[in-house]
Amino acid sequence: MILRARGPRGRQRTPAEAPVDEEIDRAARAMLANHGANAALEAERRSKNLLQCELEGQAAKWRKIALLVRRLEEQKRS
């Protein structure tokens, strides 16, 4: 069974609203600093490589990093 985080009004949070873990935040910001516009693509590439090595836990972290990179890029544009 998958447990989903609940927002302040009891509704399920979307991935964009989910709280960000400090490690993921730090990694996403480092990816942006080091890879610029290619940061999200690089994070996704790393995730795919880890999946091929059957390291699902680490791949999931890189997917979260890619998602946060995209969110940060969007915030920067607006």
Protein backbone atom coordinates (compact mmCIF):
# COMPACT_ATOMS: atom_id res chain seq x y z
CA MET A 1 0.00 0.00 0.00
CA ILE A 2 1.29 3.45 -0.94
CA LEU A 3 0.72 6.21 1.59
CA ARG A 4 0.34 9.69 0.18
CA ALA A 5 1.10 12.92 1.99
CA ARG A 6 -1.95 14.99 2.84
CA GLY A 7 -2.13 18.74 2.43
CA PRO A 8 -3.43 21.14 5.09
CA ARG A 9 -7.05 20.51 4.12
CA GLY A 10 -6.75 16.72 4.02
CA ARG A 11 -6.54 16.40 0.25
CA GLN A 12 -3.72 14.50 -1.40
CA ARG A 13 -0.80 16.63 -2.44
CA THR A 14 0.35 16.67 -6.03
CA PRO A 15 4.05 15.94 -6.63
CA ALA A 16 4.63 19.68 -7.14
CA GLU A 17 3.26 20.40 -3.64
CA ALA A 18 5.12 17.64 -1.83
CA PRO A 19 7.66 18.79 0.75
CA VAL A 20 11.24 18.75 -0.50
CA ASP A 21 13.90 16.86 1.39
CA GLU A 22 17.03 18.90 2.09
CA GLU A 23 19.33 16.45 0.28
CA ILE A 24 17.16 16.58 -2.88
CA ASP A 25 17.04 20.38 -2.74
CA ARG A 26 20.82 20.67 -2.38
CA ALA A 27 21.41 18.22 -5.25
CA ALA A 28 18.93 19.99 -7.56
CA ARG A 29 20.55 23.37 -6.92
CA ALA A 30 24.01 21.89 -7.53
CA MET A 31 22.80 20.32 -10.78
CA LEU A 32 21.50 23.71 -11.95
CA ALA A 33 24.77 25.40 -11.02
CA ASN A 34 26.88 22.75 -12.76
CA HIS A 35 24.72 21.83 -15.78
CA GLY A 36 22.55 24.91 -16.36
CA ALA A 37 19.77 24.34 -18.88
CA ASN A 38 20.75 20.65 -19.18
CA ALA A 39 20.39 19.93 -15.45
CA ALA A 40 17.01 18.14 -15.62
CA LEU A 41 18.07 16.05 -18.61
CA GLU A 42 21.28 15.05 -16.84
CA ALA A 43 19.37 14.05 -13.69
CA GLU A 44 16.98 11.96 -15.79
CA ARG A 45 19.94 10.32 -17.58
CA ARG A 46 21.44 9.37 -14.24
CA SER A 47 18.11 7.95 -13.10
CA LYS A 48 17.83 5.79 -16.23
CA ASN A 49 21.39 4.51 -15.78
CA LEU A 50 20.67 3.55 -12.18
CA LEU A 51 17.50 1.73 -13.23
CA GLN A 52 19.52 -0.29 -15.73
CA CYS A 53 21.76 -1.30 -12.82
CA GLU A 54 18.63 -2.27 -10.85
CA LEU A 55 19.21 0.44 -8.24
CA GLU A 56 15.59 1.59 -7.95
CA GLY A 57 16.03 3.58 -4.73
CA GLN A 58 18.81 5.75 -6.11
CA ALA A 59 16.97 6.11 -9.43
CA ALA A 60 13.92 7.40 -7.56
CA LYS A 61 16.06 10.07 -5.88
CA TRP A 62 17.36 11.25 -9.25
CA ARG A 63 13.80 11.42 -10.60
CA LYS A 64 12.91 13.64 -7.63
CA ILE A 65 15.98 15.78 -8.33
CA ALA A 66 14.94 16.14 -12.00
CA LEU A 67 11.40 17.13 -10.94
CA LEU A 68 12.71 19.76 -8.54
CA VAL A 69 15.15 21.11 -11.14
CA ARG A 70 12.23 21.61 -13.52
CA ARG A 71 10.21 23.31 -10.77
CA LEU A 72 13.12 25.63 -9.93
CA GLU A 73 13.61 26.48 -13.61
CA GLU A 74 9.91 27.31 -13.91
CA GLN A 75 10.01 29.53 -10.82
CA LYS A 76 13.03 31.34 -12.24
CA ARG A 77 11.16 32.04 -15.51
CA SER A 78 8.09 33.46 -13.75
